[in-house]
Amino acid sequence: MGLSQTGRYRLGVASRVVAAIGGGYVLAAVATGLLAVLLPLPPAEAVMTATLLSFSLYACSVLWVFAAGSAWQAWAGVALPAAVLGAVLALLRSAS
């Protein structure tokens, strides 16, 4: 016995909410860390600029999650960029 049509819909919406809140936060946090390292500014200004940019990135990731065609695409749209940016950040930190 599987989920009803309504149950699948609610599960998809719940999955998107988690992707928007959690996945969007992780994506914004990793992008903030990477931007703070890469921006050619004094460290305090780079961190402040990266943090301010993270607010718009978080908002865009939430919009993406609810505009995606499916919950799988929504998760992929936040998880894959976060993983790539996280790998680049890890490489940069290990190189220095």
PDB file of N, CA and C in Angstrom:
ATOM      1  N   MET A   1       0.846  -1.174   0.000  1.00  0.00           N
ATOM      2  CA  MET A   1       0.000   0.000   0.000  1.00  0.00           C
ATOM      3  C   MET A   1       0.887   1.231   0.000  1.00  0.00           C
ATOM      4  N   GLY A   2       0.795   2.052  -1.036  1.00  0.00           N
ATOM      5  CA  GLY A   2       1.620   3.239  -1.175  1.00  0.00           C
ATOM      6  C   GLY A   2       0.898   4.487  -0.708  1.00  0.00           C
ATOM      7  N   LEU A   3       1.560   5.570  -0.900  1.00  0.00           N
ATOM      8  CA  LEU A   3       0.969   6.852  -0.537  1.00  0.00           C
ATOM      9  C   LEU A   3      -0.088   7.256  -1.551  1.00  0.00           C
ATOM     10  N   SER A   4      -1.069   7.973  -1.081  1.00  0.00           N
ATOM     11  CA  SER A   4      -2.090   8.510  -1.990  1.00  0.00           C
ATOM     12  C   SER A   4      -1.493   9.677  -2.773  1.00  0.00           C
ATOM     13  N   GLN A   5      -2.232  10.141  -3.741  1.00  0.00           N
ATOM     14  CA  GLN A   5      -1.801  11.288  -4.545  1.00  0.00           C
ATOM     15  C   GLN A   5      -1.542  12.504  -3.647  1.00  0.00           C
ATOM     16  N   THR A   6      -2.427  12.724  -2.694  1.00  0.00           N
ATOM     17  CA  THR A   6      -2.265  13.838  -1.757  1.00  0.00           C
ATOM     18  C   THR A   6      -1.041  13.640  -0.877  1.00  0.00           C
ATOM     19  N   GLY A   7      -0.813  12.416  -0.449  1.00  0.00           N
ATOM     20  CA  GLY A   7       0.352  12.125   0.388  1.00  0.00           C
ATOM     21  C   GLY A   7       1.660  12.360  -0.352  1.00  0.00           C
ATOM     22  N   ARG A   8       1.713  11.950  -1.625  1.00  0.00           N
ATOM     23  CA  ARG A   8       2.923  12.181  -2.425  1.00  0.00           C
ATOM     24  C   ARG A   8       3.149  13.676  -2.630  1.00  0.00           C
ATOM     25  N   TYR A   9       2.075  14.404  -2.881  1.00  0.00           N
ATOM     26  CA  TYR A   9       2.186  15.856  -3.069  1.00  0.00           C
ATOM     27  C   TYR A   9       2.732  16.519  -1.804  1.00  0.00           C
ATOM     28  N   ARG A  10       2.177  16.150  -0.664  1.00  0.00           N
ATOM     29  CA  ARG A  10       2.620  16.748   0.609  1.00  0.00           C
ATOM     30  C   ARG A  10       4.062  16.383   0.916  1.00  0.00           C
ATOM     31  N   LEU A  11       4.448  15.160   0.605  1.00  0.00           N
ATOM     32  CA  LEU A  11       5.830  14.749   0.813  1.00  0.00           C
ATOM     33  C   LEU A  11       6.767  15.542  -0.097  1.00  0.00           C
ATOM     34  N   GLY A  12       6.354  15.790  -1.332  1.00  0.00           N
ATOM     35  CA  GLY A  12       7.158  16.598  -2.250  1.00  0.00           C
ATOM     36  C   GLY A  12       7.325  18.027  -1.767  1.00  0.00           C
ATOM     37  N   VAL A  13       6.234  18.594  -1.244  1.00  0.00           N
ATOM     38  CA  VAL A  13       6.303  19.962  -0.716  1.00  0.00           C
ATOM     39  C   VAL A  13       7.196  20.002   0.522  1.00  0.00           C
ATOM     40  N   ALA A  14       7.051  19.019   1.399  1.00  0.00           N
ATOM     41  CA  ALA A  14       7.895  18.970   2.594  1.00  0.00           C
ATOM     42  C   ALA A  14       9.367  18.826   2.211  1.00  0.00           C
ATOM     43  N   SER A  15       9.645  18.009   1.203  1.00  0.00           N
ATOM     44  CA  SER A  15      11.018  17.844   0.747  1.00  0.00           C
ATOM     45  C   SER A  15      11.569  19.158   0.194  1.00  0.00           C
ATOM     46  N   ARG A  16      10.756  19.883  -0.540  1.00  0.00           N
ATOM     47  CA  ARG A  16      11.200  21.183  -1.075  1.00  0.00           C
ATOM     48  C   ARG A  16      11.437  22.190   0.047  1.00  0.00           C
ATOM     49  N   VAL A  17      10.600  22.157   1.083  1.00  0.00           N
ATOM     50  CA  VAL A  17      10.797  23.071   2.211  1.00  0.00           C
ATOM     51  C   VAL A  17      12.136  22.794   2.892  1.00  0.00           C
ATOM     52  N   VAL A  18      12.439  21.516   3.090  1.00  0.00           N
ATOM     53  CA  VAL A  18      13.716  21.155   3.707  1.00  0.00           C
ATOM     54  C   VAL A  18      14.876  21.552   2.790  1.00  0.00           C
ATOM     55  N   ALA A  19      14.722  21.341   1.490  1.00  0.00           N
ATOM     56  CA  ALA A  19      15.767  21.727   0.538  1.00  0.00           C
ATOM     57  C   ALA A  19      15.955  23.236   0.537  1.00  0.00           C
ATOM     58  N   ALA A  20      14.861  23.980   0.610  1.00  0.00           N
ATOM     59  CA  ALA A  20      14.965  25.437   0.597  1.00  0.00           C
ATOM     60  C   ALA A  20      15.632  25.954   1.861  1.00  0.00           C
ATOM     61  N   ILE A  21      15.202  25.452   3.009  1.00  0.00           N
ATOM     62  CA  ILE A  21      15.746  25.957   4.275  1.00  0.00           C
ATOM     63  C   ILE A  21      17.159  25.427   4.511  1.00  0.00           C
ATOM     64  N   GLY A  22      17.295  24.117   4.522  1.00  0.00           N
ATOM     65  CA  GLY A  22      18.600  23.518   4.835  1.00  0.00           C
ATOM     66  C   GLY A  22      19.591  23.606   3.693  1.00  0.00           C
ATOM     67  N   GLY A  23      19.153  23.180   2.516  1.00  0.00           N
ATOM     68  CA  GLY A  23      20.051  23.192   1.366  1.00  0.00           C
ATOM     69  C   GLY A  23      20.441  24.596   0.954  1.00  0.00           C
ATOM     70  N   GLY A  24      19.489  25.516   0.991  1.00  0.00           N
ATOM     71  CA  GLY A  24      19.791  26.907   0.665  1.00  0.00           C
ATOM     72  C   GLY A  24      20.769  27.513   1.645  1.00  0.00           C
ATOM     73  N   TYR A  25      20.633  27.163   2.919  1.00  0.00           N
ATOM     74  CA  TYR A  25      21.556  27.667   3.935  1.00  0.00           C
ATOM     75  C   TYR A  25      22.964  27.133   3.692  1.00  0.00           C
ATOM     76  N   VAL A  26      23.059  25.835   3.431  1.00  0.00           N
ATOM     77  CA  VAL A  26      24.379  25.238   3.188  1.00  0.00           C
ATOM     78  C   VAL A  26      25.024  25.853   1.951  1.00  0.00           C
ATOM     79  N   LEU A  27      24.248  26.007   0.887  1.00  0.00           N
ATOM     80  CA  LEU A  27      24.774  26.612  -0.333  1.00  0.00           C
ATOM     81  C   LEU A  27      25.259  28.034  -0.071  1.00  0.00           C
ATOM     82  N   ALA A  28      24.475  28.819   0.630  1.00  0.00           N
ATOM     83  CA  ALA A  28      24.868  30.199   0.924  1.00  0.00           C
ATOM     84  C   ALA A  28      26.098  30.246   1.828  1.00  0.00           C
ATOM     85  N   ALA A  29      26.166  29.351   2.802  1.00  0.00           N
ATOM     86  CA  ALA A  29      27.306  29.340   3.715  1.00  0.00           C
ATOM     87  C   ALA A  29      28.597  28.966   3.003  1.00  0.00           C
ATOM     88  N   VAL A  30      28.537  27.950   2.153  1.00  0.00           N
ATOM     89  CA  VAL A  30      29.733  27.529   1.429  1.00  0.00           C
ATOM     90  C   VAL A  30      30.162  28.608   0.441  1.00  0.00           C
ATOM     91  N   ALA A  31      29.208  29.207  -0.248  1.00  0.00           N
ATOM     92  CA  ALA A  31      29.536  30.279  -1.189  1.00  0.00           C
ATOM     93  C   ALA A  31      30.129  31.480  -0.457  1.00  0.00           C
ATOM     94  N   THR A  32      29.635  31.766   0.736  1.00  0.00           N
ATOM     95  CA  THR A  32      30.177  32.861   1.529  1.00  0.00           C
ATOM     96  C   THR A  32      31.623  32.596   1.899  1.00  0.00           C
ATOM     97  N   GLY A  33      31.909  31.378   2.333  1.00  0.00           N
ATOM     98  CA  GLY A  33      33.284  31.022   2.671  1.00  0.00           C
ATOM     99  C   GLY A  33      34.214  31.137   1.478  1.00  0.00           C
ATOM    100  N   LEU A  34      33.763  30.663   0.333  1.00  0.00           N
ATOM    101  CA  LEU A  34      34.588  30.717  -0.864  1.00  0.00           C
ATOM    102  C   LEU A  34      34.801  32.153  -1.327  1.00  0.00           C
ATOM    103  N   LEU A  35      33.749  32.950  -1.328  1.00  0.00           N
ATOM    104  CA  LEU A  35      33.891  34.347  -1.722  1.00  0.00           C
ATOM    105  C   LEU A  35      34.804  35.114  -0.764  1.00  0.00           C
ATOM    106  N   ALA A  36      34.709  34.832   0.509  1.00  0.00           N
ATOM    107  CA  ALA A  36      35.560  35.515   1.484  1.00  0.00           C
ATOM    108  C   ALA A  36      37.032  35.216   1.234  1.00  0.00           C
ATOM    109  N   VAL A  37      37.316  34.029   0.731  1.00  0.00           N
ATOM    110  CA  VAL A  37      38.707  33.661   0.429  1.00  0.00           C
ATOM    111  C   VAL A  37      39.151  34.264  -0.904  1.00  0.00           C
ATOM    112  N   LEU A  38      38.259  34.303  -1.886  1.00  0.00           N
ATOM    113  CA  LEU A  38      38.641  34.694  -3.242  1.00  0.00           C
ATOM    114  C   LEU A  38      38.584  36.195  -3.527  1.00  0.00           C
ATOM    115  N   LEU A  39      37.742  36.933  -2.835  1.00  0.00           N
ATOM    116  CA  LEU A  39      37.601  38.361  -3.141  1.00  0.00           C
ATOM    117  C   LEU A  39      38.908  39.109  -2.863  1.00  0.00           C
ATOM    118  N   PRO A  40      39.348  39.926  -3.823  1.00  0.00           N
ATOM    119  CA  PRO A  40      40.614  40.657  -3.657  1.00  0.00           C
ATOM    120  C   PRO A  40      40.433  41.933  -2.825  1.00  0.00           C
ATOM    121  N   LEU A  41      40.030  41.752  -1.599  1.00  0.00           N
ATOM    122  CA  LEU A  41      39.799  42.862  -0.677  1.00  0.00           C
ATOM    123  C   LEU A  41      40.520  42.560   0.628  1.00  0.00           C
ATOM    124  N   PRO A  42      40.676  43.546   1.478  1.00  0.00           N
ATOM    125  CA  PRO A  42      41.179  43.235   2.826  1.00  0.00           C
ATOM    126  C   PRO A  42      40.250  42.218   3.488  1.00  0.00           C
ATOM    127  N   PRO A  43      40.775  41.367   4.347  1.00  0.00           N
ATOM    128  CA  PRO A  43      39.970  40.260   4.901  1.00  0.00           C
ATOM    129  C   PRO A  43      38.628  40.677   5.504  1.00  0.00           C
ATOM    130  N   ALA A  44      38.598  41.729   6.284  1.00  0.00           N
ATOM    131  CA  ALA A  44      37.332  42.135   6.911  1.00  0.00           C
ATOM    132  C   ALA A  44      36.308  42.573   5.862  1.00  0.00           C
ATOM    133  N   GLU A  45      36.764  43.292   4.854  1.00  0.00           N
ATOM    134  CA  GLU A  45      35.853  43.735   3.802  1.00  0.00           C
ATOM    135  C   GLU A  45      35.392  42.567   2.933  1.00  0.00           C
ATOM    136  N   ALA A  46      36.276  41.604   2.697  1.00  0.00           N
ATOM    137  CA  ALA A  46      35.906  40.430   1.905  1.00  0.00           C
ATOM    138  C   ALA A  46      34.832  39.624   2.619  1.00  0.00           C
ATOM    139  N   VAL A  47      34.981  39.454   3.914  1.00  0.00           N
ATOM    140  CA  VAL A  47      33.990  38.709   4.692  1.00  0.00           C
ATOM    141  C   VAL A  47      32.655  39.451   4.702  1.00  0.00           C
ATOM    142  N   MET A  48      32.699  40.756   4.887  1.00  0.00           N
ATOM    143  CA  MET A  48      31.456  41.535   4.910  1.00  0.00           C
ATOM    144  C   MET A  48      30.762  41.494   3.552  1.00  0.00           C
ATOM    145  N   THR A  49      31.519  41.661   2.483  1.00  0.00           N
ATOM    146  CA  THR A  49      30.940  41.619   1.141  1.00  0.00           C
ATOM    147  C   THR A  49      30.349  40.246   0.841  1.00  0.00           C
ATOM    148  N   ALA A  50      31.085  39.198   1.174  1.00  0.00           N
ATOM    149  CA  ALA A  50      30.597  37.840   0.943  1.00  0.00           C
ATOM    150  C   ALA A  50      29.338  37.564   1.747  1.00  0.00           C
ATOM    151  N   THR A  51      29.302  38.038   2.966  1.00  0.00           N
ATOM    152  CA  THR A  51      28.118  37.838   3.806  1.00  0.00           C
ATOM    153  C   THR A  51      26.907  38.566   3.237  1.00  0.00           C
ATOM    154  N   LEU A  52      27.095  39.784   2.781  1.00  0.00           N
ATOM    155  CA  LEU A  52      25.980  40.526   2.192  1.00  0.00           C
ATOM    156  C   LEU A  52      25.482  39.852   0.918  1.00  0.00           C
ATOM    157  N   LEU A  53      26.397  39.336   0.101  1.00  0.00           N
ATOM    158  CA  LEU A  53      25.988  38.628  -1.112  1.00  0.00           C
ATOM    159  C   LEU A  53      25.260  37.323  -0.796  1.00  0.00           C
ATOM    160  N   SER A  54      25.574  36.727   0.345  1.00  0.00           N
ATOM    161  CA  SER A  54      24.954  35.445   0.686  1.00  0.00           C
ATOM    162  C   SER A  54      23.449  35.576   0.903  1.00  0.00           C
ATOM    163  N   PHE A  55      22.981  36.738   1.329  1.00  0.00           N
ATOM    164  CA  PHE A  55      21.544  36.915   1.528  1.00  0.00           C
ATOM    165  C   PHE A  55      20.788  36.789   0.205  1.00  0.00           C
ATOM    166  N   SER A  56      21.325  37.402  -0.840  1.00  0.00           N
ATOM    167  CA  SER A  56      20.660  37.286  -2.139  1.00  0.00           C
ATOM    168  C   SER A  56      20.816  35.880  -2.712  1.00  0.00           C
ATOM    169  N   LEU A  57      21.938  35.229  -2.472  1.00  0.00           N
ATOM    170  CA  LEU A  57      22.117  33.859  -2.935  1.00  0.00           C
ATOM    171  C   LEU A  57      21.136  32.916  -2.241  1.00  0.00           C
ATOM    172  N   TYR A  58      20.931  33.121  -0.953  1.00  0.00           N
ATOM    173  CA  TYR A  58      19.978  32.291  -0.217  1.00  0.00           C
ATOM    174  C   TYR A  58      18.557  32.491  -0.759  1.00  0.00           C
ATOM    175  N   ALA A  59      18.186  33.735  -1.001  1.00  0.00           N
ATOM    176  CA  ALA A  59      16.854  34.014  -1.541  1.00  0.00           C
ATOM    177  C   ALA A  59      16.680  33.382  -2.921  1.00  0.00           C
ATOM    178  N   CYS A  60      17.712  33.468  -3.750  1.00  0.00           N
ATOM    179  CA  CYS A  60      17.637  32.858  -5.087  1.00  0.00           C
ATOM    180  C   CYS A  60      17.555  31.337  -5.007  1.00  0.00           C
ATOM    181  N   SER A  61      18.246  30.743  -4.061  1.00  0.00           N
ATOM    182  CA  SER A  61      18.174  29.283  -3.938  1.00  0.00           C
ATOM    183  C   SER A  61      16.786  28.840  -3.473  1.00  0.00           C
ATOM    184  N   VAL A  62      16.157  29.616  -2.613  1.00  0.00           N
ATOM    185  CA  VAL A  62      14.782  29.295  -2.194  1.00  0.00           C
ATOM    186  C   VAL A  62      13.839  29.415  -3.390  1.00  0.00           C
ATOM    187  N   LEU A  63      14.008  30.449  -4.177  1.00  0.00           N
ATOM    188  CA  LEU A  63      13.188  30.592  -5.377  1.00  0.00           C
ATOM    189  C   LEU A  63      13.404  29.420  -6.331  1.00  0.00           C
ATOM    190  N   TRP A  64      14.657  29.012  -6.499  1.00  0.00           N
ATOM    191  CA  TRP A  64      14.970  27.892  -7.391  1.00  0.00           C
ATOM    192  C   TRP A  64      14.271  26.612  -6.923  1.00  0.00           C
ATOM    193  N   VAL A  65      14.318  26.349  -5.625  1.00  0.00           N
ATOM    194  CA  VAL A  65      13.741  25.112  -5.094  1.00  0.00           C
ATOM    195  C   VAL A  65      12.258  25.011  -5.445  1.00  0.00           C
ATOM    196  N   PHE A  66      11.529  26.114  -5.343  1.00  0.00           N
ATOM    197  CA  PHE A  66      10.097  26.053  -5.608  1.00  0.00           C
ATOM    198  C   PHE A  66       9.758  26.258  -7.079  1.00  0.00           C
ATOM    199  N   ALA A  67      10.723  26.655  -7.891  1.00  0.00           N
ATOM    200  CA  ALA A  67      10.492  26.781  -9.331  1.00  0.00           C
ATOM    201  C   ALA A  67      10.899  25.516 -10.085  1.00  0.00           C
ATOM    202  N   ALA A  68      11.664  24.649  -9.458  1.00  0.00           N
ATOM    203  CA  ALA A  68      12.131  23.423 -10.113  1.00  0.00           C
ATOM    204  C   ALA A  68      10.955  22.516 -10.441  1.00  0.00           C
ATOM    205  N   GLY A  69      11.143  21.689 -11.457  1.00  0.00           N
ATOM    206  CA  GLY A  69      10.069  20.820 -11.922  1.00  0.00           C
ATOM    207  C   GLY A  69       9.711  19.698 -10.956  1.00  0.00           C
ATOM    208  N   SER A  70      10.676  19.265 -10.156  1.00  0.00           N
ATOM    209  CA  SER A  70      10.410  18.179  -9.206  1.00  0.00           C
ATOM    210  C   SER A  70      11.270  18.391  -7.969  1.00  0.00           C
ATOM    211  N   ALA A  71      10.938  17.642  -6.926  1.00  0.00           N
ATOM    212  CA  ALA A  71      11.723  17.738  -5.698  1.00  0.00           C
ATOM    213  C   ALA A  71      13.148  17.248  -5.932  1.00  0.00           C
ATOM    214  N   TRP A  72      13.319  16.251  -6.796  1.00  0.00           N
ATOM    215  CA  TRP A  72      14.671  15.758  -7.112  1.00  0.00           C
ATOM    216  C   TRP A  72      15.497  16.854  -7.770  1.00  0.00           C
ATOM    217  N   GLN A  73      14.908  17.577  -8.715  1.00  0.00           N
ATOM    218  CA  GLN A  73      15.623  18.677  -9.360  1.00  0.00           C
ATOM    219  C   GLN A  73      15.927  19.795  -8.359  1.00  0.00           C
ATOM    220  N   ALA A  74      15.017  20.020  -7.449  1.00  0.00           N
ATOM    221  CA  ALA A  74      15.238  21.047  -6.434  1.00  0.00           C
ATOM    222  C   ALA A  74      16.438  20.698  -5.572  1.00  0.00           C
ATOM    223  N   TRP A  75      16.493  19.437  -5.119  1.00  0.00           N
ATOM    224  CA  TRP A  75      17.623  19.001  -4.306  1.00  0.00           C
ATOM    225  C   TRP A  75      18.923  19.045  -5.090  1.00  0.00           C
ATOM    226  N   ALA A  76      18.871  18.602  -6.337  1.00  0.00           N
ATOM    227  CA  ALA A  76      20.084  18.630  -7.170  1.00  0.00           C
ATOM    228  C   ALA A  76      20.545  20.061  -7.400  1.00  0.00           C
ATOM    229  N   GLY A  77      19.597  20.981  -7.535  1.00  0.00           N
ATOM    230  CA  GLY A  77      19.934  22.369  -7.795  1.00  0.00           C
ATOM    231  C   GLY A  77      20.611  23.073  -6.641  1.00  0.00           C
ATOM    232  N   VAL A  78      20.450  22.573  -5.429  1.00  0.00           N
ATOM    233  CA  VAL A  78      21.170  23.166  -4.299  1.00  0.00           C
ATOM    234  C   VAL A  78      22.326  22.282  -3.838  1.00  0.00           C
ATOM    235  N   ALA A  79      22.190  20.966  -3.963  1.00  0.00           N
ATOM    236  CA  ALA A  79      23.231  20.067  -3.457  1.00  0.00           C
ATOM    237  C   ALA A  79      24.466  20.045  -4.356  1.00  0.00           C
ATOM    238  N   LEU A  80      24.267  19.985  -5.663  1.00  0.00           N
ATOM    239  CA  LEU A  80      25.421  19.918  -6.561  1.00  0.00           C
ATOM    240  C   LEU A  80      26.279  21.186  -6.521  1.00  0.00           C
ATOM    241  N   PRO A  81      25.697  22.376  -6.628  1.00  0.00           N
ATOM    242  CA  PRO A  81      26.539  23.571  -6.507  1.00  0.00           C
ATOM    243  C   PRO A  81      27.213  23.683  -5.139  1.00  0.00           C
ATOM    244  N   ALA A  82      26.514  23.303  -4.082  1.00  0.00           N
ATOM    245  CA  ALA A  82      27.117  23.359  -2.749  1.00  0.00           C
ATOM    246  C   ALA A  82      28.298  22.392  -2.653  1.00  0.00           C
ATOM    247  N   ALA A  83      28.163  21.210  -3.242  1.00  0.00           N
ATOM    248  CA  ALA A  83      29.263  20.246  -3.212  1.00  0.00           C
ATOM    249  C   ALA A  83      30.459  20.738  -4.015  1.00  0.00           C
ATOM    250  N   VAL A  84      30.203  21.309  -5.184  1.00  0.00           N
ATOM    251  CA  VAL A  84      31.300  21.819  -6.015  1.00  0.00           C
ATOM    252  C   VAL A  84      31.999  22.982  -5.320  1.00  0.00           C
ATOM    253  N   LEU A  85      31.236  23.934  -4.819  1.00  0.00           N
ATOM    254  CA  LEU A  85      31.834  25.073  -4.121  1.00  0.00           C
ATOM    255  C   LEU A  85      32.569  24.630  -2.861  1.00  0.00           C
ATOM    256  N   GLY A  86      32.017  23.652  -2.166  1.00  0.00           N
ATOM    257  CA  GLY A  86      32.686  23.124  -0.979  1.00  0.00           C
ATOM    258  C   GLY A  86      34.003  22.442  -1.315  1.00  0.00           C
ATOM    259  N   ALA A  87      34.041  21.717  -2.426  1.00  0.00           N
ATOM    260  CA  ALA A  87      35.278  21.070  -2.844  1.00  0.00           C
ATOM    261  C   ALA A  87      36.338  22.098  -3.219  1.00  0.00           C
ATOM    262  N   VAL A  88      35.927  23.133  -3.925  1.00  0.00           N
ATOM    263  CA  VAL A  88      36.865  24.199  -4.295  1.00  0.00           C
ATOM    264  C   VAL A  88      37.386  24.901  -3.040  1.00  0.00           C
ATOM    265  N   LEU A  89      36.510  25.182  -2.104  1.00  0.00           N
ATOM    266  CA  LEU A  89      36.927  25.806  -0.860  1.00  0.00           C
ATOM    267  C   LEU A  89      37.889  24.918  -0.089  1.00  0.00           C
ATOM    268  N   ALA A  90      37.607  23.631  -0.031  1.00  0.00           N
ATOM    269  CA  ALA A  90      38.504  22.713   0.672  1.00  0.00           C
ATOM    270  C   ALA A  90      39.878  22.654   0.006  1.00  0.00           C
ATOM    271  N   LEU A  91      39.890  22.652  -1.322  1.00  0.00           N
ATOM    272  CA  LEU A  91      41.165  22.658  -2.040  1.00  0.00           C
ATOM    273  C   LEU A  91      41.960  23.931  -1.779  1.00  0.00           C
ATOM    274  N   LEU A  92      41.291  25.062  -1.774  1.00  0.00           N
ATOM    275  CA  LEU A  92      41.971  26.314  -1.524  1.00  0.00           C
ATOM    276  C   LEU A  92      42.522  26.399  -0.105  1.00  0.00           C
ATOM    277  N   ARG A  93      41.769  25.891   0.835  1.00  0.00           N
ATOM    278  CA  ARG A  93      42.226  25.932   2.229  1.00  0.00           C
ATOM    279  C   ARG A  93      43.376  24.956   2.476  1.00  0.00           C
ATOM    280  N   SER A  94      43.351  23.806   1.810  1.00  0.00           N
ATOM    281  CA  SER A  94      44.436  22.830   2.000  1.00  0.00           C
ATOM    282  C   SER A  94      45.701  23.274   1.297  1.00  0.00           C
ATOM    283  N   ALA A  95      45.566  24.100   0.248  1.00  0.00           N
ATOM    284  CA  ALA A  95      46.742  24.576  -0.495  1.00  0.00           C
ATOM    285  C   ALA A  95      47.463  25.685   0.253  1.00  0.00           C
ATOM    286  N   SER A  96      46.773  26.364   1.144  1.00  0.00           N
ATOM    287  CA  SER A  96      47.424  27.486   1.837  1.00  0.00           C
ATOM    288  C   SER A  96      47.967  27.119   3.180  1.00  0.00           C
TER     289      SER A  96
END
